[in-house]
Amino acid sequence: MAAFIDDLVETMRCSPGGVGIAAPQVGMPRRIVVVDVSAHRRGSQEQNHGLLVLIQSEILAMAGKQIVARGA
């Protein structure tokens, strides 16, 4: 599994502007998501969580709403 996660991270980083990728996007029917939020936008110095690897994750609660443009 570690090798597959390494491949996911590499694939994500090779995609311009990519900040995340899920296993099903590369043909693997698993609940694995890799998200890299380590880059600071607009010079922000806010702390963040860096590289996240989520395995079998489950959303337990949601609050608020954010609308973003995809694929831009």
PDB file of N, CA and C in Angstrom:
ATOM      1  N   MET A   1       0.813  -1.180   0.000  1.00  0.00           N
ATOM      2  CA  MET A   1       0.000   0.000   0.000  1.00  0.00           C
ATOM      3  C   MET A   1       0.865   1.256   0.000  1.00  0.00           C
ATOM      4  N   ALA A   2       2.001   1.238   0.685  1.00  0.00           N
ATOM      5  CA  ALA A   2       2.878   2.405   0.748  1.00  0.00           C
ATOM      6  C   ALA A   2       3.374   2.795  -0.643  1.00  0.00           C
ATOM      7  N   ALA A   3       3.693   1.812  -1.468  1.00  0.00           N
ATOM      8  CA  ALA A   3       4.163   2.101  -2.826  1.00  0.00           C
ATOM      9  C   ALA A   3       3.058   2.755  -3.649  1.00  0.00           C
ATOM     10  N   PHE A   4       1.829   2.282  -3.493  1.00  0.00           N
ATOM     11  CA  PHE A   4       0.709   2.885  -4.213  1.00  0.00           C
ATOM     12  C   PHE A   4       0.500   4.332  -3.773  1.00  0.00           C
ATOM     13  N   ILE A   5       0.590   4.598  -2.468  1.00  0.00           N
ATOM     14  CA  ILE A   5       0.426   5.961  -1.964  1.00  0.00           C
ATOM     15  C   ILE A   5       1.548   6.855  -2.492  1.00  0.00           C
ATOM     16  N   ASP A   6       2.772   6.351  -2.533  1.00  0.00           N
ATOM     17  CA  ASP A   6       3.883   7.116  -3.113  1.00  0.00           C
ATOM     18  C   ASP A   6       3.603   7.454  -4.568  1.00  0.00           C
ATOM     19  N   ASP A   7       3.053   6.490  -5.320  1.00  0.00           N
ATOM     20  CA  ASP A   7       2.699   6.738  -6.716  1.00  0.00           C
ATOM     21  C   ASP A   7       1.604   7.794  -6.837  1.00  0.00           C
ATOM     22  N   LEU A   8       0.615   7.764  -5.936  1.00  0.00           N
ATOM     23  CA  LEU A   8      -0.448   8.777  -5.944  1.00  0.00           C
ATOM     24  C   LEU A   8       0.136  10.168  -5.714  1.00  0.00           C
ATOM     25  N   VAL A   9       1.021  10.285  -4.739  1.00  0.00           N
ATOM     26  CA  VAL A   9       1.653  11.575  -4.439  1.00  0.00           C
ATOM     27  C   VAL A   9       2.433  12.065  -5.656  1.00  0.00           C
ATOM     28  N   GLU A  10       3.195  11.194  -6.279  1.00  0.00           N
ATOM     29  CA  GLU A  10       3.971  11.566  -7.464  1.00  0.00           C
ATOM     30  C   GLU A  10       3.058  12.010  -8.605  1.00  0.00           C
ATOM     31  N   THR A  11       1.976  11.274  -8.832  1.00  0.00           N
ATOM     32  CA  THR A  11       1.023  11.632  -9.888  1.00  0.00           C
ATOM     33  C   THR A  11       0.402  12.993  -9.612  1.00  0.00           C
ATOM     34  N   MET A  12       0.023  13.243  -8.368  1.00  0.00           N
ATOM     35  CA  MET A  12      -0.572  14.523  -7.997  1.00  0.00           C
ATOM     36  C   MET A  12       0.414  15.658  -8.250  1.00  0.00           C
ATOM     37  N   ARG A  13       1.644  15.478  -7.857  1.00  0.00           N
ATOM     38  CA  ARG A  13       2.655  16.536  -8.002  1.00  0.00           C
ATOM     39  C   ARG A  13       3.049  16.775  -9.452  1.00  0.00           C
ATOM     40  N   CYS A  14       2.835  15.799 -10.320  1.00  0.00           N
ATOM     41  CA  CYS A  14       3.141  15.965 -11.741  1.00  0.00           C
ATOM     42  C   CYS A  14       2.035  16.719 -12.483  1.00  0.00           C
ATOM     43  N   SER A  15       0.895  16.873 -11.853  1.00  0.00           N
ATOM     44  CA  SER A  15      -0.233  17.572 -12.465  1.00  0.00           C
ATOM     45  C   SER A  15      -0.156  19.047 -12.113  1.00  0.00           C
ATOM     46  N   PRO A  16      -0.072  19.919 -13.138  1.00  0.00           N
ATOM     47  CA  PRO A  16       0.026  21.352 -12.852  1.00  0.00           C
ATOM     48  C   PRO A  16      -1.201  21.859 -12.092  1.00  0.00           C
ATOM     49  N   GLY A  17      -0.963  22.510 -10.976  1.00  0.00           N
ATOM     50  CA  GLY A  17      -2.054  23.055 -10.180  1.00  0.00           C
ATOM     51  C   GLY A  17      -2.788  22.040  -9.334  1.00  0.00           C
ATOM     52  N   GLY A  18      -2.382  20.782  -9.393  1.00  0.00           N
ATOM     53  CA  GLY A  18      -3.071  19.738  -8.643  1.00  0.00           C
ATOM     54  C   GLY A  18      -2.767  19.811  -7.155  1.00  0.00           C
ATOM     55  N   VAL A  19      -3.800  19.715  -6.338  1.00  0.00           N
ATOM     56  CA  VAL A  19      -3.605  19.711  -4.888  1.00  0.00           C
ATOM     57  C   VAL A  19      -4.112  18.420  -4.260  1.00  0.00           C
ATOM     58  N   GLY A  20      -4.710  17.549  -5.064  1.00  0.00           N
ATOM     59  CA  GLY A  20      -5.217  16.304  -4.513  1.00  0.00           C
ATOM     60  C   GLY A  20      -5.564  15.311  -5.598  1.00  0.00           C
ATOM     61  N   ILE A  21      -5.614  14.051  -5.204  1.00  0.00           N
ATOM     62  CA  ILE A  21      -5.995  12.981  -6.135  1.00  0.00           C
ATOM     63  C   ILE A  21      -6.553  11.825  -5.302  1.00  0.00           C
ATOM     64  N   ALA A  22      -7.511  11.133  -5.870  1.00  0.00           N
ATOM     65  CA  ALA A  22      -8.122   9.979  -5.205  1.00  0.00           C
ATOM     66  C   ALA A  22      -7.806   8.710  -5.989  1.00  0.00           C
ATOM     67  N   ALA A  23      -7.735   7.602  -5.293  1.00  0.00           N
ATOM     68  CA  ALA A  23      -7.403   6.324  -5.925  1.00  0.00           C
ATOM     69  C   ALA A  23      -8.302   5.996  -7.115  1.00  0.00           C
ATOM     70  N   PRO A  24      -9.624   6.225  -7.045  1.00  0.00           N
ATOM     71  CA  PRO A  24     -10.458   5.912  -8.207  1.00  0.00           C
ATOM     72  C   PRO A  24     -10.094   6.706  -9.477  1.00  0.00           C
ATOM     73  N   GLN A  25      -9.451   7.868  -9.309  1.00  0.00           N
ATOM     74  CA  GLN A  25      -9.044   8.656 -10.472  1.00  0.00           C
ATOM     75  C   GLN A  25      -7.952   7.969 -11.284  1.00  0.00           C
ATOM     76  N   VAL A  26      -7.250   7.029 -10.682  1.00  0.00           N
ATOM     77  CA  VAL A  26      -6.212   6.290 -11.398  1.00  0.00           C
ATOM     78  C   VAL A  26      -6.582   4.820 -11.547  1.00  0.00           C
ATOM     79  N   GLY A  27      -7.875   4.540 -11.420  1.00  0.00           N
ATOM     80  CA  GLY A  27      -8.365   3.201 -11.684  1.00  0.00           C
ATOM     81  C   GLY A  27      -8.287   2.217 -10.526  1.00  0.00           C
ATOM     82  N   MET A  28      -8.019   2.700  -9.321  1.00  0.00           N
ATOM     83  CA  MET A  28      -7.937   1.816  -8.157  1.00  0.00           C
ATOM     84  C   MET A  28      -9.187   2.008  -7.291  1.00  0.00           C
ATOM     85  N   PRO A  29     -10.032   0.995  -7.185  1.00  0.00           N
ATOM     86  CA  PRO A  29     -11.281   1.131  -6.426  1.00  0.00           C
ATOM     87  C   PRO A  29     -11.057   1.052  -4.906  1.00  0.00           C
ATOM     88  N   ARG A  30     -10.336   2.002  -4.382  1.00  0.00           N
ATOM     89  CA  ARG A  30     -10.036   2.060  -2.950  1.00  0.00           C
ATOM     90  C   ARG A  30     -10.396   3.451  -2.422  1.00  0.00           C
ATOM     91  N   ARG A  31     -10.675   3.531  -1.123  1.00  0.00           N
ATOM     92  CA  ARG A  31     -10.986   4.807  -0.491  1.00  0.00           C
ATOM     93  C   ARG A  31      -9.704   5.424   0.063  1.00  0.00           C
ATOM     94  N   ILE A  32      -8.882   5.927  -0.870  1.00  0.00           N
ATOM     95  CA  ILE A  32      -7.620   6.574  -0.513  1.00  0.00           C
ATOM     96  C   ILE A  32      -7.575   7.913  -1.235  1.00  0.00           C
ATOM     97  N   VAL A  33      -7.247   8.961  -0.497  1.00  0.00           N
ATOM     98  CA  VAL A  33      -7.140  10.307  -1.050  1.00  0.00           C
ATOM     99  C   VAL A  33      -5.841  10.918  -0.549  1.00  0.00           C
ATOM    100  N   VAL A  34      -5.135  11.609  -1.449  1.00  0.00           N
ATOM    101  CA  VAL A  34      -3.929  12.338  -1.087  1.00  0.00           C
ATOM    102  C   VAL A  34      -4.190  13.812  -1.388  1.00  0.00           C
ATOM    103  N   VAL A  35      -3.946  14.681  -0.396  1.00  0.00           N
ATOM    104  CA  VAL A  35      -4.160  16.119  -0.556  1.00  0.00           C
ATOM    105  C   VAL A  35      -2.930  16.845  -0.027  1.00  0.00           C
ATOM    106  N   ASP A  36      -2.404  17.778  -0.823  1.00  0.00           N
ATOM    107  CA  ASP A  36      -1.252  18.558  -0.386  1.00  0.00           C
ATOM    108  C   ASP A  36      -1.660  20.015  -0.251  1.00  0.00           C
ATOM    109  N   VAL A  37      -1.791  20.477   0.983  1.00  0.00           N
ATOM    110  CA  VAL A  37      -2.170  21.864   1.236  1.00  0.00           C
ATOM    111  C   VAL A  37      -0.986  22.636   1.822  1.00  0.00           C
ATOM    112  N   SER A  38       0.222  22.219   1.501  1.00  0.00           N
ATOM    113  CA  SER A  38       1.402  22.853   2.074  1.00  0.00           C
ATOM    114  C   SER A  38       1.760  24.171   1.398  1.00  0.00           C
ATOM    115  N   ALA A  39       1.310  24.410   0.177  1.00  0.00           N
ATOM    116  CA  ALA A  39       1.644  25.651  -0.520  1.00  0.00           C
ATOM    117  C   ALA A  39       0.839  26.815   0.048  1.00  0.00           C
ATOM    118  N   HIS A  40       1.531  27.920   0.272  1.00  0.00           N
ATOM    119  CA  HIS A  40       0.858  29.127   0.747  1.00  0.00           C
ATOM    120  C   HIS A  40       0.443  29.964  -0.452  1.00  0.00           C
ATOM    121  N   ARG A  41      -0.806  30.356  -0.501  1.00  0.00           N
ATOM    122  CA  ARG A  41      -1.297  31.189  -1.597  1.00  0.00           C
ATOM    123  C   ARG A  41      -1.230  32.658  -1.202  1.00  0.00           C
ATOM    124  N   ARG A  42      -0.897  33.478  -2.165  1.00  0.00           N
ATOM    125  CA  ARG A  42      -0.868  34.936  -1.994  1.00  0.00           C
ATOM    126  C   ARG A  42       0.022  35.371  -0.822  1.00  0.00           C
ATOM    127  N   GLY A  43       1.098  34.666  -0.601  1.00  0.00           N
ATOM    128  CA  GLY A  43       2.047  35.055   0.426  1.00  0.00           C
ATOM    129  C   GLY A  43       1.593  34.835   1.856  1.00  0.00           C
ATOM    130  N   SER A  44       0.518  34.097   2.045  1.00  0.00           N
ATOM    131  CA  SER A  44      -0.012  33.846   3.383  1.00  0.00           C
ATOM    132  C   SER A  44       0.999  33.089   4.232  1.00  0.00           C
ATOM    133  N   GLN A  45       1.061  33.420   5.487  1.00  0.00           N
ATOM    134  CA  GLN A  45       1.947  32.733   6.417  1.00  0.00           C
ATOM    135  C   GLN A  45       1.175  31.819   7.365  1.00  0.00           C
ATOM    136  N   GLU A  46      -0.074  31.535   7.042  1.00  0.00           N
ATOM    137  CA  GLU A  46      -0.900  30.691   7.896  1.00  0.00           C
ATOM    138  C   GLU A  46      -0.337  29.272   7.959  1.00  0.00           C
ATOM    139  N   GLN A  47      -0.445  28.666   9.126  1.00  0.00           N
ATOM    140  CA  GLN A  47      -0.051  27.272   9.244  1.00  0.00           C
ATOM    141  C   GLN A  47      -1.102  26.404   8.563  1.00  0.00           C
ATOM    142  N   ASN A  48      -0.672  25.261   8.047  1.00  0.00           N
ATOM    143  CA  ASN A  48      -1.602  24.337   7.411  1.00  0.00           C
ATOM    144  C   ASN A  48      -1.200  22.916   7.755  1.00  0.00           C
ATOM    145  N   HIS A  49      -1.884  21.963   7.178  1.00  0.00           N
ATOM    146  CA  HIS A  49      -1.663  20.563   7.517  1.00  0.00           C
ATOM    147  C   HIS A  49      -0.687  19.853   6.590  1.00  0.00           C
ATOM    148  N   GLY A  50      -0.172  20.543   5.568  1.00  0.00           N
ATOM    149  CA  GLY A  50       0.814  19.937   4.674  1.00  0.00           C
ATOM    150  C   GLY A  50       0.220  18.810   3.842  1.00  0.00           C
ATOM    151  N   LEU A  51       0.955  17.726   3.713  1.00  0.00           N
ATOM    152  CA  LEU A  51       0.518  16.571   2.929  1.00  0.00           C
ATOM    153  C   LEU A  51      -0.363  15.668   3.786  1.00  0.00           C
ATOM    154  N   LEU A  52      -1.568  15.416   3.305  1.00  0.00           N
ATOM    155  CA  LEU A  52      -2.506  14.544   4.013  1.00  0.00           C
ATOM    156  C   LEU A  52      -2.746  13.286   3.190  1.00  0.00           C
ATOM    157  N   VAL A  53      -2.702  12.131   3.828  1.00  0.00           N
ATOM    158  CA  VAL A  53      -3.071  10.867   3.200  1.00  0.00           C
ATOM    159  C   VAL A  53      -4.262  10.338   3.989  1.00  0.00           C
ATOM    160  N   LEU A  54      -5.403  10.250   3.328  1.00  0.00           N
ATOM    161  CA  LEU A  54      -6.634   9.805   3.979  1.00  0.00           C
ATOM    162  C   LEU A  54      -6.976   8.410   3.476  1.00  0.00           C
ATOM    163  N   ILE A  55      -7.073   7.458   4.393  1.00  0.00           N
ATOM    164  CA  ILE A  55      -7.384   6.075   4.046  1.00  0.00           C
ATOM    165  C   ILE A  55      -8.657   5.678   4.781  1.00  0.00           C
ATOM    166  N   GLN A  56      -9.636   5.196   4.013  1.00  0.00           N
ATOM    167  CA  GLN A  56     -10.927   4.806   4.589  1.00  0.00           C
ATOM    168  C   GLN A  56     -11.549   5.951   5.385  1.00  0.00           C
ATOM    169  N   SER A  57     -11.377   7.180   4.900  1.00  0.00           N
ATOM    170  CA  SER A  57     -11.893   8.331   5.638  1.00  0.00           C
ATOM    171  C   SER A  57     -13.410   8.408   5.545  1.00  0.00           C
ATOM    172  N   GLU A  58     -13.987   9.076   6.524  1.00  0.00           N
ATOM    173  CA  GLU A  58     -15.437   9.219   6.597  1.00  0.00           C
ATOM    174  C   GLU A  58     -15.758  10.629   7.088  1.00  0.00           C
ATOM    175  N   ILE A  59     -16.640  11.329   6.380  1.00  0.00           N
ATOM    176  CA  ILE A  59     -17.068  12.658   6.796  1.00  0.00           C
ATOM    177  C   ILE A  59     -18.135  12.489   7.865  1.00  0.00           C
ATOM    178  N   LEU A  60     -17.864  13.011   9.044  1.00  0.00           N
ATOM    179  CA  LEU A  60     -18.796  12.877  10.155  1.00  0.00           C
ATOM    180  C   LEU A  60     -19.671  14.109  10.338  1.00  0.00           C
ATOM    181  N   ALA A  61     -19.176  15.270   9.942  1.00  0.00           N
ATOM    182  CA  ALA A  61     -19.949  16.502  10.084  1.00  0.00           C
ATOM    183  C   ALA A  61     -19.457  17.510   9.057  1.00  0.00           C
ATOM    184  N   MET A  62     -20.362  18.375   8.643  1.00  0.00           N
ATOM    185  CA  MET A  62     -20.023  19.441   7.703  1.00  0.00           C
ATOM    186  C   MET A  62     -20.647  20.735   8.190  1.00  0.00           C
ATOM    187  N   ALA A  63     -19.973  21.839   7.891  1.00  0.00           N
ATOM    188  CA  ALA A  63     -20.521  23.147   8.223  1.00  0.00           C
ATOM    189  C   ALA A  63     -20.076  24.136   7.159  1.00  0.00           C
ATOM    190  N   GLY A  64     -20.931  25.072   6.828  1.00  0.00           N
ATOM    191  CA  GLY A  64     -20.588  26.091   5.851  1.00  0.00           C
ATOM    192  C   GLY A  64     -20.600  25.577   4.427  1.00  0.00           C
ATOM    193  N   LYS A  65     -20.308  26.473   3.522  1.00  0.00           N
ATOM    194  CA  LYS A  65     -20.289  26.111   2.111  1.00  0.00           C
ATOM    195  C   LYS A  65     -19.230  26.949   1.417  1.00  0.00           C
ATOM    196  N   GLN A  66     -18.490  26.336   0.500  1.00  0.00           N
ATOM    197  CA  GLN A  66     -17.500  27.047  -0.273  1.00  0.00           C
ATOM    198  C   GLN A  66     -17.671  26.655  -1.727  1.00  0.00           C
ATOM    199  N   ILE A  67     -17.739  27.633  -2.597  1.00  0.00           N
ATOM    200  CA  ILE A  67     -17.882  27.384  -4.028  1.00  0.00           C
ATOM    201  C   ILE A  67     -16.573  27.739  -4.700  1.00  0.00           C
ATOM    202  N   VAL A  68     -16.017  26.777  -5.444  1.00  0.00           N
ATOM    203  CA  VAL A  68     -14.750  26.993  -6.142  1.00  0.00           C
ATOM    204  C   VAL A  68     -14.886  26.558  -7.587  1.00  0.00           C
ATOM    205  N   ALA A  69     -14.053  27.155  -8.449  1.00  0.00           N
ATOM    206  CA  ALA A  69     -14.013  26.761  -9.855  1.00  0.00           C
ATOM    207  C   ALA A  69     -13.110  25.548 -10.000  1.00  0.00           C
ATOM    208  N   ARG A  70     -13.574  24.526 -10.684  1.00  0.00           N
ATOM    209  CA  ARG A  70     -12.788  23.310 -10.877  1.00  0.00           C
ATOM    210  C   ARG A  70     -12.156  23.330 -12.257  1.00  0.00           C
ATOM    211  N   GLY A  71     -10.951  22.812 -12.333  1.00  0.00           N
ATOM    212  CA  GLY A  71     -10.280  22.660 -13.614  1.00  0.00           C
ATOM    213  C   GLY A  71      -9.785  23.956 -14.205  1.00  0.00           C
ATOM    214  N   ALA A  72      -9.731  24.986 -13.423  1.00  0.00           N
ATOM    215  CA  ALA A  72      -9.273  26.292 -13.945  1.00  0.00           C
ATOM    216  C   ALA A  72      -7.777  26.364 -14.002  1.00  0.00           C
TER     217      ALA A  72
END
